[in-house]
Amino acid sequence: MSPRMDLPLLLAITVFFWLVAQAWTLLVFWAEEGATRPSAPVAPRPGPIRKDKKP
């Protein structure tokens, strides 16, 4: 390879690995947040409102 060809190849490899590192970081943050976040208690869903009931 000539020296002129080395620079674009090195830049392409650098950009590729930078993108992979960014994607990996986002994946790790997403996985850690899902694993360490306490789950909120789920409130029971209210049933349908019936207007024919008398108090």
Protein backbone atom coordinates (compact mmCIF):
# COMPACT_ATOMS: atom_id res chain seq x y z
CA MET A 1 0.00 0.00 0.00
CA SER A 2 1.15 3.45 -0.72
CA PRO A 3 1.27 6.09 2.02
CA ARG A 4 -1.60 7.94 0.35
CA MET A 5 -3.85 4.91 0.71
CA ASP A 6 -2.98 4.35 4.35
CA LEU A 7 -4.56 7.54 5.70
CA PRO A 8 -8.11 6.99 4.35
CA LEU A 9 -7.98 3.36 5.45
CA LEU A 10 -6.83 4.30 8.93
CA LEU A 11 -9.51 6.98 9.16
CA ALA A 12 -12.19 4.51 8.07
CA ILE A 13 -11.01 1.95 10.63
CA THR A 14 -10.92 4.63 13.33
CA VAL A 15 -14.44 5.81 12.56
CA PHE A 16 -15.71 2.23 12.49
CA PHE A 17 -14.23 1.39 15.89
CA TRP A 18 -15.44 4.70 17.33
CA LEU A 19 -19.00 3.88 16.22
CA VAL A 20 -18.75 0.39 17.67
CA ALA A 21 -17.50 1.84 20.97
CA GLN A 22 -20.39 4.31 21.11
CA ALA A 23 -22.94 1.59 20.42
CA TRP A 24 -21.34 -0.67 23.04
CA THR A 25 -21.43 2.13 25.62
CA LEU A 26 -25.11 2.79 24.98
CA LEU A 27 -25.86 -0.92 25.23
CA VAL A 28 -24.02 -1.21 28.56
CA PHE A 29 -25.79 1.85 30.02
CA TRP A 30 -29.17 0.50 28.88
CA ALA A 31 -28.46 -2.92 30.37
CA GLU A 32 -27.18 -1.52 33.67
CA GLU A 33 -30.15 0.79 34.06
CA GLY A 34 -32.55 -2.06 33.42
CA ALA A 35 -30.74 -4.32 35.89
CA THR A 36 -30.33 -1.81 38.72
CA ARG A 37 -33.54 0.22 38.50
CA PRO A 38 -36.02 -0.80 41.21
CA SER A 39 -39.30 -1.74 39.68
CA ALA A 40 -42.19 0.48 40.70
CA PRO A 41 -45.13 -1.30 42.28
CA VAL A 42 -47.89 -1.76 39.78
CA ALA A 43 -51.20 -0.29 40.90
CA PRO A 44 -54.27 -2.33 40.08
CA ARG A 45 -56.12 -1.03 37.08
CA PRO A 46 -59.50 0.39 37.96
CA GLY A 47 -62.47 -1.38 36.50
CA PRO A 48 -65.12 0.28 34.39
CA ILE A 49 -67.06 3.07 36.06
CA ARG A 50 -70.66 2.06 36.59
CA LYS A 51 -73.06 4.93 37.00
CA ASP A 52 -76.05 2.82 37.98
CA LYS A 53 -74.68 2.10 41.46
CA LYS A 54 -76.33 4.01 44.27
CA PRO A 55 -74.27 5.02 47.28
